[in-house]
Amino acid sequence: MFDNIAELIDKIRLGEDSYLELKEVRFAGQRISAPHRESLADELAAFANSRGGVCVLGVDDSREVLGIPLERLDLVEDFVRQICLDSITPPLAPVIVRLSLPSTAGEQLPVLKIDVTGSLFVHKSPGGYLHRVGSAKREMAPDYLARLFQQRSQARIIRFDEQPVPGATLDDLADDLWQRFASPRLQDSREVLLDKLAMARPDADGTPRPTIAGVLLASSDPRRWLPNAFIQAVAYRGTQVLPQGDSAYQLDAQDITGPLDAQVLAACHFVRKNMQVYATKDEGRHDLPQFDMTAVFEAMVNAVAHRDYSIHGAKIRLRMFADRLEIYSPGAIPNTMTVESLPYRQAARNEAITSLLAKCPVPEADQAETGRSAMMDKRGEGVQLILGRTEQLSGKTPVFRLIDESELLLTIPAAGEGV
């Protein structure tokens, strides 16, 4: 917002409004005495809970550019970053830019421009749940706050995966990634096709923007908008997590990023690379892998398809041990399903994502191992495949367990000598 310096200067001359906040920066020794930490947290959270805005540090309420000493810019930027992480829940990740603006005397002075986009989440700061009303921040009335929670994540008036992403543009979707979902017979414009695929929706101002599903499947790195939309994979030595003082307690670790289908295939590669393959002489010598890769593939597809992306700070965790594989997926089981009913019932938290994964082709080189030509079928056979293929290989049954009504854990027992 206000990306052009001339535009920003003109905006400052007009003064504060719903989209602009000005703050003088003062120091007491090596400490920042103004703005107050909690006050700045409230201002930034109020922008995020509204339609976004810009806070300029180094300009006072009278619109005079006072600047920030050049040697203290690092200190002020760290101050802002810590406020966003420690004083706002869930944390904010604004764009912080260093600029030079002219003072009334014509001198170019350093300032910090903090650009906050309207958020997918509802943020709480020290002053409570605030939003921007004109040039002031105000506490949200209970009914307004309830509606905002409904719109942004909680009640799913609009499914979370179909919500437009603030600050994202259609150009953020890679052509080669979204076009694989579009039928070649359709001659619609990009905007119309993306809307039909639920990969784009108009925002409150009518501007078409990518949806959650769109950035998850058609952007090179969804973490730009959803910082925890990745798989954290770790292969451990032995059967338990050892104290980190033991330098050899991990065999391998990787943060797996990219579009969801690429994450699934990379997670399978991580398992394949780190699992043991044993030789058995039963009925002739043949190799016995620790894990059935079709079962692993189905488990990872289910994890990325059905996790709750509205839970800020939660990621999929893949843990490999000598005797088991653990997959932690954020979110409770949707609707009225239970752990016991998972093999027999279907319920999709993310309809747009599951629909797109059903259209997403599996690379030919991976089709034999996964048993799929598309990333997902919509027949609800995934859980049964995980159970059946694992039991056939290891003689043991995978176990689903719900942790604190907020995370689903799937444990797949290993075959071979690690058991």
Protein backbone atom coordinates (compact mmCIF):
# COMPACT_ATOMS: atom_id res chain seq x y z
CA MET A 1 0.00 0.00 0.00
CA PHE A 2 1.30 3.46 -0.94
CA ASP A 3 4.22 1.80 -2.70
CA ASN A 4 5.20 4.96 -4.57
CA ILE A 5 7.13 7.47 -2.43
CA ALA A 6 5.33 10.42 -4.00
CA GLU A 7 2.00 8.77 -3.19
CA LEU A 8 3.12 8.13 0.40
CA ILE A 9 4.24 11.76 0.83
CA ASP A 10 0.87 13.01 -0.49
CA LYS A 11 -0.91 10.63 1.88
CA ILE A 12 1.10 11.86 4.87
CA ARG A 13 0.26 15.48 4.00
CA LEU A 14 -3.45 14.60 4.18
CA GLY A 15 -3.01 12.99 7.61
CA GLU A 16 -4.12 9.80 9.34
CA ASP A 17 -7.19 7.87 8.25
CA SER A 18 -8.40 4.26 8.07
CA TYR A 19 -5.26 3.24 6.18
CA LEU A 20 -2.50 5.45 7.64
CA GLU A 21 -0.95 5.78 11.11
CA LEU A 22 1.97 8.10 11.91
CA LYS A 23 4.31 7.59 14.88
CA GLU A 24 7.21 9.64 16.18
CA VAL A 25 10.17 7.56 17.43
CA ARG A 26 11.93 8.71 20.62
CA PHE A 27 14.80 7.19 22.56
CA ALA A 28 15.91 7.06 26.18
CA GLY A 29 19.56 6.05 26.04
CA GLN A 30 19.70 2.77 24.12
CA ARG A 31 16.01 2.13 24.68
CA ILE A 32 13.02 3.09 22.51
CA SER A 33 10.70 5.18 24.69
CA ALA A 34 8.09 5.93 22.01
CA PRO A 35 5.98 4.57 20.49
CA HIS A 36 4.96 2.43 23.45
CA ARG A 37 5.23 -1.28 22.70
CA GLU A 38 1.60 -2.11 23.52
CA SER A 39 0.24 0.92 21.68
CA LEU A 40 2.09 0.01 18.48
CA ALA A 41 0.94 -3.61 18.78
CA ASP A 42 -2.66 -2.39 19.03
CA GLU A 43 -2.29 -0.20 15.92
CA LEU A 44 -0.81 -2.98 13.79
CA ALA A 45 -3.32 -5.59 14.93
CA ALA A 46 -6.18 -3.15 14.23
CA PHE A 47 -4.94 -2.77 10.64
CA ALA A 48 -4.74 -6.56 10.23
CA ASN A 49 -8.27 -6.99 11.61
CA SER A 50 -9.55 -4.39 9.13
CA ARG A 51 -8.51 -4.00 5.51
CA GLY A 52 -4.84 -3.38 6.16
CA GLY A 53 -2.87 -0.17 6.37
CA VAL A 54 0.49 1.53 6.69
CA CYS A 55 2.23 2.76 9.83
CA VAL A 56 5.12 5.17 9.23
CA LEU A 57 7.65 5.43 12.07
CA GLY A 58 9.57 8.69 12.07
CA VAL A 59 6.64 11.02 11.28
CA ASP A 60 4.66 12.68 14.08
CA ASP A 61 0.94 13.43 14.38
CA SER A 62 1.42 16.91 12.93
CA ARG A 63 2.65 15.19 9.72
CA GLU A 64 6.20 16.46 10.17
CA VAL A 65 8.96 14.11 9.05
CA LEU A 66 11.34 13.81 12.02
CA GLY A 67 13.18 10.71 10.86
CA ILE A 68 15.05 8.00 12.74
CA PRO A 69 18.83 8.19 13.31
CA LEU A 70 20.45 6.07 10.65
CA GLU A 71 22.52 4.13 13.17
CA ARG A 72 19.33 3.17 15.07
CA LEU A 73 17.27 1.81 12.19
CA ASP A 74 18.28 -1.77 13.06
CA LEU A 75 17.18 -1.25 16.67
CA VAL A 76 13.77 0.12 15.62
CA GLU A 77 13.20 -2.63 13.05
CA ASP A 78 14.00 -5.31 15.64
CA PHE A 79 11.62 -3.54 18.04
CA VAL A 80 8.78 -3.77 15.49
CA ARG A 81 9.53 -7.36 14.61
CA GLN A 82 9.50 -8.46 18.26
CA ILE A 83 6.21 -6.68 18.86
CA CYS A 84 4.65 -8.52 15.93
CA LEU A 85 5.89 -11.86 17.27
CA ASP A 86 5.43 -11.43 21.02
CA SER A 87 2.57 -8.95 21.54
CA ILE A 88 0.10 -10.01 18.82
CA THR A 89 -1.71 -13.36 18.66
CA PRO A 90 -1.48 -14.97 16.15
CA PRO A 91 1.75 -13.18 15.19
CA LEU A 92 1.91 -10.73 12.31
CA ALA A 93 4.45 -10.69 9.48
CA PRO A 94 4.25 -7.17 8.01
CA VAL A 95 6.46 -5.84 5.26
CA ILE A 96 8.97 -3.42 6.83
CA VAL A 97 10.67 -1.03 4.38
CA ARG A 98 13.37 1.58 5.01
CA LEU A 99 12.74 4.83 3.15
CA SER A 100 14.02 8.39 3.03
CA LEU A 101 11.41 11.16 3.15
CA PRO A 102 11.98 14.93 2.90
CA SER A 103 11.60 17.05 6.04
CA THR A 104 10.10 20.56 5.94
CA ALA A 105 13.67 21.82 5.52
CA GLY A 106 14.15 19.58 2.49
CA GLU A 107 16.55 17.19 4.23
CA GLN A 108 16.13 13.49 3.38
CA LEU A 109 15.52 11.59 6.64
CA PRO A 110 15.28 7.82 7.24
CA VAL A 111 11.88 6.39 8.26
CA LEU A 112 10.37 2.91 8.56
CA LYS A 113 7.23 2.04 6.61
CA ILE A 114 5.29 -0.90 8.10
CA ASP A 115 2.85 -2.35 5.58
CA VAL A 116 0.14 -4.55 7.11
CA THR A 117 -2.32 -6.43 4.88
CA GLY A 118 -5.82 -7.40 5.94
CA SER A 119 -5.37 -10.80 7.58
CA LEU A 120 -6.88 -14.24 7.13
CA PHE A 121 -7.01 -14.45 10.92
CA VAL A 122 -8.42 -12.38 13.79
CA HIS A 123 -5.58 -10.92 15.85
CA LYS A 124 -5.53 -10.07 19.55
CA SER A 125 -3.19 -7.42 20.93
CA PRO A 126 -2.71 -6.04 24.47
CA GLY A 127 -5.79 -3.83 24.04
CA GLY A 128 -7.99 -6.78 23.03
CA TYR A 129 -9.59 -7.37 19.65
CA LEU A 130 -9.32 -4.01 17.86
CA HIS A 131 -10.14 -2.70 14.42
CA ARG A 132 -9.56 0.55 12.57
CA VAL A 133 -12.34 3.15 12.44
CA GLY A 134 -11.14 6.23 10.59
CA SER A 135 -7.90 7.43 12.16
CA ALA A 136 -8.54 5.63 15.47
CA LYS A 137 -8.48 2.08 16.75
CA ARG A 138 -11.57 0.76 18.49
CA GLU A 139 -12.42 -2.39 20.40
CA MET A 140 -14.76 -4.58 18.39
CA ALA A 141 -18.27 -5.02 19.70
CA PRO A 142 -19.09 -8.67 20.54
CA ASP A 143 -21.45 -9.12 17.56
CA TYR A 144 -18.92 -7.55 15.17
CA LEU A 145 -16.15 -9.77 16.55
CA ALA A 146 -18.34 -12.86 16.18
CA ARG A 147 -19.04 -12.01 12.54
CA LEU A 148 -15.35 -11.43 11.86
CA PHE A 149 -14.43 -14.82 13.32
CA GLN A 150 -17.12 -16.39 11.15
CA GLN A 151 -15.85 -14.68 8.02
CA ARG A 152 -12.18 -15.39 8.61
CA SER A 153 -11.97 -18.90 10.00
CA GLN A 154 -14.16 -20.22 12.71
CA ALA A 155 -17.73 -20.94 11.60
CA ARG A 156 -16.86 -21.44 7.94
CA ILE A 157 -19.72 -19.40 6.46
CA ILE A 158 -17.37 -19.54 3.49
CA ARG A 159 -15.08 -22.57 3.57
CA PHE A 160 -11.65 -21.49 4.69
CA ASP A 161 -9.92 -22.92 1.63
CA GLU A 162 -12.17 -20.82 -0.64
CA GLN A 163 -11.45 -17.50 1.07
CA PRO A 164 -9.53 -14.88 -0.95
CA VAL A 165 -6.02 -14.23 0.32
CA PRO A 166 -5.40 -10.56 1.25
CA GLY A 167 -2.46 -9.06 -0.59
CA ALA A 168 -2.17 -11.90 -3.14
CA THR A 169 -2.79 -11.25 -6.84
CA LEU A 170 -3.66 -13.55 -9.72
CA ASP A 171 -0.11 -13.04 -11.02
CA ASP A 172 1.14 -14.83 -7.88
CA LEU A 173 -0.31 -18.06 -9.32
CA ALA A 174 2.13 -19.73 -11.73
CA ASP A 175 0.55 -20.37 -15.13
CA ASP A 176 2.01 -23.86 -15.44
CA LEU A 177 0.64 -24.80 -12.01
CA TRP A 178 -2.96 -23.61 -12.30
CA GLN A 179 -3.42 -24.49 -15.98
CA ARG A 180 -3.00 -28.21 -15.22
CA PHE A 181 -6.42 -28.10 -13.53
CA ALA A 182 -8.22 -26.39 -16.40
CA SER A 183 -9.89 -28.31 -19.20
CA PRO A 184 -8.33 -27.50 -22.57
CA ARG A 185 -11.85 -27.35 -24.02
CA LEU A 186 -12.71 -24.27 -21.97
CA GLN A 187 -11.96 -20.93 -23.63
CA ASP A 188 -12.76 -18.71 -20.63
CA SER A 189 -10.45 -15.98 -19.40
CA ARG A 190 -7.93 -16.68 -16.64
CA GLU A 191 -10.10 -14.90 -14.08
CA VAL A 192 -13.22 -16.89 -14.98
CA LEU A 193 -11.38 -20.23 -15.05
CA LEU A 194 -9.75 -19.63 -11.67
CA ASP A 195 -13.13 -18.72 -10.21
CA LYS A 196 -14.68 -21.93 -11.60
CA LEU A 197 -11.85 -23.92 -10.01
CA ALA A 198 -12.32 -22.11 -6.66
CA MET A 199 -8.72 -20.94 -7.01
CA ALA A 200 -9.74 -17.27 -7.04
CA ARG A 201 -12.58 -15.25 -5.52
CA PRO A 202 -13.39 -11.50 -5.35
CA ASP A 203 -12.44 -9.86 -2.06
CA ALA A 204 -14.62 -7.39 -0.13
CA ASP A 205 -13.75 -4.68 -2.66
CA GLY A 206 -14.55 -6.90 -5.65
CA THR A 207 -10.90 -7.43 -6.62
CA PRO A 208 -10.25 -11.02 -7.76
CA ARG A 209 -7.63 -12.66 -5.55
CA PRO A 210 -6.25 -16.19 -5.22
CA THR A 211 -7.99 -18.34 -2.63
CA ILE A 212 -6.28 -20.43 0.03
CA ALA A 213 -6.70 -23.43 -2.29
CA GLY A 214 -5.22 -21.41 -5.14
CA VAL A 215 -2.00 -20.45 -3.35
CA LEU A 216 -1.64 -23.95 -1.88
CA LEU A 217 -1.72 -25.67 -5.26
CA ALA A 218 -0.61 -23.05 -7.77
CA SER A 219 2.07 -20.94 -6.09
CA SER A 220 5.71 -21.94 -5.82
CA ASP A 221 5.82 -21.34 -2.06
CA PRO A 222 2.50 -21.05 -0.16
CA ARG A 223 4.42 -20.04 2.99
CA ARG A 224 4.43 -16.47 1.70
CA TRP A 225 0.79 -16.27 2.85
CA LEU A 226 0.46 -19.33 5.10
CA PRO A 227 3.80 -19.59 6.91
CA ASN A 228 3.06 -23.08 8.27
CA ALA A 229 1.82 -24.67 5.05
CA PHE A 230 4.72 -27.10 4.86
CA ILE A 231 5.77 -30.53 6.10
CA GLN A 232 8.46 -30.78 8.75
CA ALA A 233 10.16 -34.16 8.25
CA VAL A 234 12.66 -35.73 10.63
CA ALA A 235 14.19 -39.22 10.58
CA TYR A 236 15.39 -40.29 14.04
CA ARG A 237 17.96 -42.86 15.03
CA GLY A 238 16.29 -45.58 17.10
CA THR A 239 12.77 -45.60 18.48
CA GLN A 240 12.57 -42.36 20.45
CA VAL A 241 13.57 -38.72 20.36
CA LEU A 242 16.82 -38.35 22.29
CA PRO A 243 18.02 -35.16 24.02
CA GLN A 244 19.38 -32.68 21.52
CA GLY A 245 22.76 -32.84 23.20
CA ASP A 246 23.22 -36.12 21.36
CA SER A 247 24.47 -34.93 17.97
CA ALA A 248 23.59 -38.22 16.28
CA TYR A 249 19.96 -38.46 17.38
CA GLN A 250 18.75 -37.37 13.91
CA LEU A 251 19.54 -39.18 10.70
CA ASP A 252 17.94 -36.60 8.41
CA ALA A 253 15.70 -33.52 8.58
CA GLN A 254 13.95 -31.42 5.94
CA ASP A 255 11.32 -28.69 5.71
CA ILE A 256 9.29 -29.75 2.67
CA THR A 257 7.77 -26.81 0.80
CA GLY A 258 6.11 -26.01 -2.53
CA PRO A 259 2.63 -26.76 -3.92
CA LEU A 260 0.74 -29.44 -1.99
CA ASP A 261 1.25 -32.19 -4.58
CA ALA A 262 4.99 -31.50 -4.66
CA GLN A 263 5.03 -31.67 -0.85
CA VAL A 264 3.38 -35.10 -0.91
CA LEU A 265 5.87 -36.53 -3.41
CA ALA A 266 8.84 -34.98 -1.58
CA ALA A 267 7.62 -36.47 1.71
CA CYS A 268 7.39 -39.91 0.07
CA HIS A 269 10.92 -39.47 -1.26
CA PHE A 270 12.09 -38.55 2.26
CA VAL A 271 10.58 -41.77 3.65
CA ARG A 272 11.95 -43.89 0.82
CA LYS A 273 15.43 -42.39 1.25
CA ASN A 274 15.56 -42.94 5.00
CA MET A 275 13.80 -46.26 5.51
CA GLN A 276 15.59 -49.59 5.77
CA VAL A 277 15.09 -52.36 3.22
CA TYR A 278 15.67 -55.83 4.62
CA ALA A 279 16.36 -59.05 2.78
CA THR A 280 14.25 -62.09 3.61
CA LYS A 281 14.71 -65.70 2.52
CA ASP A 282 11.09 -66.70 3.00
CA GLU A 283 9.95 -68.34 -0.25
CA GLY A 284 13.11 -67.15 -1.94
CA ARG A 285 15.16 -64.06 -1.28
CA HIS A 286 13.37 -60.74 -1.77
CA ASP A 287 13.53 -57.23 -0.37
CA LEU A 288 11.27 -56.18 2.49
CA PRO A 289 10.88 -52.37 2.92
CA GLN A 290 9.97 -50.93 6.29
CA PHE A 291 6.94 -49.10 4.91
CA ASP A 292 4.53 -49.66 2.05
CA MET A 293 4.95 -46.58 -0.15
CA THR A 294 1.37 -46.67 -1.43
CA ALA A 295 0.21 -46.45 2.20
CA VAL A 296 2.68 -43.62 2.87
CA PHE A 297 1.48 -41.77 -0.24
CA GLU A 298 -2.18 -42.06 0.80
CA ALA A 299 -1.34 -40.91 4.32
CA MET A 300 0.50 -37.82 3.10
CA VAL A 301 -2.26 -36.94 0.61
CA ASN A 302 -4.82 -37.20 3.41
CA ALA A 303 -2.66 -35.02 5.65
CA VAL A 304 -2.33 -32.13 3.17
CA ALA A 305 -5.93 -32.46 1.96
CA HIS A 306 -7.72 -32.60 5.30
CA ARG A 307 -5.57 -30.60 7.72
CA ASP A 308 -7.01 -27.40 9.18
CA TYR A 309 -5.19 -24.51 7.49
CA SER A 310 -6.96 -21.95 9.69
CA ILE A 311 -4.90 -23.02 12.74
CA HIS A 312 -2.08 -20.51 12.83
CA GLY A 313 1.32 -21.87 13.84
CA ALA A 314 0.53 -25.54 13.12
CA LYS A 315 2.30 -27.59 10.47
CA ILE A 316 2.23 -31.21 9.32
CA ARG A 317 4.96 -33.18 11.10
CA LEU A 318 6.43 -36.37 9.66
CA ARG A 319 8.49 -38.39 12.14
CA MET A 320 10.42 -41.54 11.19
CA PHE A 321 11.66 -44.03 13.76
CA ALA A 322 13.20 -47.48 13.49
CA ASP A 323 9.89 -49.11 14.37
CA ARG A 324 7.22 -46.68 13.12
CA LEU A 325 6.22 -43.66 11.07
CA GLU A 326 4.25 -40.84 12.73
CA ILE A 327 2.26 -38.23 10.82
CA TYR A 328 0.76 -35.33 12.79
CA SER A 329 -1.93 -33.36 10.96
CA PRO A 330 -3.35 -30.11 12.45
CA GLY A 331 -7.07 -30.03 13.19
CA ALA A 332 -9.79 -32.14 14.75
CA ILE A 333 -11.75 -34.68 12.70
CA PRO A 334 -14.40 -32.78 10.70
CA ASN A 335 -18.14 -32.94 11.25
CA THR A 336 -19.50 -35.89 13.26
CA MET A 337 -16.78 -38.35 12.33
CA THR A 338 -14.77 -40.24 14.95
CA VAL A 339 -11.40 -41.96 14.87
CA GLU A 340 -13.22 -45.30 14.71
CA SER A 341 -15.33 -44.25 11.71
CA LEU A 342 -12.43 -42.97 9.57
CA PRO A 343 -12.18 -46.15 7.44
CA TYR A 344 -15.89 -46.12 6.69
CA ARG A 345 -17.00 -42.51 6.24
CA GLN A 346 -16.06 -39.47 4.19
CA ALA A 347 -16.02 -35.83 5.24
CA ALA A 348 -13.91 -33.15 3.57
CA ARG A 349 -12.89 -30.08 5.53
CA ASN A 350 -11.39 -28.54 2.38
CA GLU A 351 -13.72 -29.20 -0.55
CA ALA A 352 -11.79 -27.01 -3.00
CA ILE A 353 -8.44 -28.58 -2.12
CA THR A 354 -9.73 -32.17 -2.39
CA SER A 355 -11.42 -31.37 -5.70
CA LEU A 356 -8.18 -29.95 -7.10
CA LEU A 357 -6.08 -32.85 -5.82
CA ALA A 358 -8.48 -35.22 -7.61
CA LYS A 359 -7.61 -33.37 -10.85
CA CYS A 360 -3.88 -33.14 -10.12
CA PRO A 361 -1.84 -35.70 -12.10
CA VAL A 362 0.80 -37.89 -10.48
CA PRO A 363 4.04 -37.85 -12.51
CA GLU A 364 4.34 -40.99 -14.63
CA ALA A 365 7.55 -42.00 -12.84
CA ASP A 366 5.66 -42.16 -9.52
CA GLN A 367 2.48 -43.86 -10.68
CA ALA A 368 3.66 -47.45 -10.24
CA GLU A 369 4.69 -46.88 -6.63
CA THR A 370 1.69 -44.75 -5.62
CA GLY A 371 -0.89 -46.75 -7.55
CA ARG A 372 -2.52 -43.49 -8.64
CA SER A 373 -2.70 -41.47 -11.85
CA ALA A 374 -4.15 -38.52 -9.87
CA MET A 375 -3.14 -37.34 -6.42
CA MET A 376 -6.48 -38.22 -4.88
CA ASP A 377 -9.61 -40.19 -5.64
CA LYS A 378 -12.92 -39.10 -4.18
CA ARG A 379 -14.17 -42.59 -3.40
CA GLY A 380 -12.91 -42.51 0.18
CA GLU A 381 -10.55 -45.49 -0.18
CA GLY A 382 -7.43 -43.82 1.21
CA VAL A 383 -7.76 -44.90 4.84
CA GLN A 384 -8.61 -48.47 3.87
CA LEU A 385 -5.52 -48.60 1.65
CA ILE A 386 -3.33 -47.31 4.51
CA LEU A 387 -4.69 -49.98 6.84
CA GLY A 388 -4.72 -52.88 4.37
CA ARG A 389 -1.34 -52.30 2.71
CA THR A 390 0.42 -51.79 6.06
CA GLU A 391 -1.14 -54.90 7.63
CA GLN A 392 -0.15 -56.93 4.58
CA LEU A 393 3.47 -55.76 4.82
CA SER A 394 4.11 -55.63 8.59
CA GLY A 395 1.33 -57.73 10.08
CA LYS A 396 0.42 -54.76 12.29
CA THR A 397 -2.41 -52.25 12.10
CA PRO A 398 -1.87 -48.48 11.78
CA VAL A 399 -3.43 -46.43 14.58
CA PHE A 400 -5.24 -43.09 14.37
CA ARG A 401 -5.35 -40.98 17.55
CA LEU A 402 -6.84 -37.55 18.20
CA ILE A 403 -4.63 -35.35 20.42
CA ASP A 404 -6.32 -32.62 22.48
CA GLU A 405 -9.12 -32.35 19.90
CA SER A 406 -6.70 -30.34 17.75
CA GLU A 407 -4.31 -32.73 15.99
CA LEU A 408 -4.71 -36.12 14.32
CA LEU A 409 -1.81 -38.56 14.74
CA LEU A 410 -1.42 -41.53 12.40
CA THR A 411 1.15 -44.15 13.47
CA ILE A 412 2.23 -46.63 10.80
CA PRO A 413 4.21 -49.59 12.21
CA ALA A 414 7.35 -50.67 10.38
CA ALA A 415 8.06 -54.09 8.95
CA GLY A 416 11.33 -55.96 9.22
CA GLU A 417 14.11 -55.90 11.79
CA GLY A 418 13.24 -52.46 13.14
CA VAL A 419 10.10 -53.82 14.82
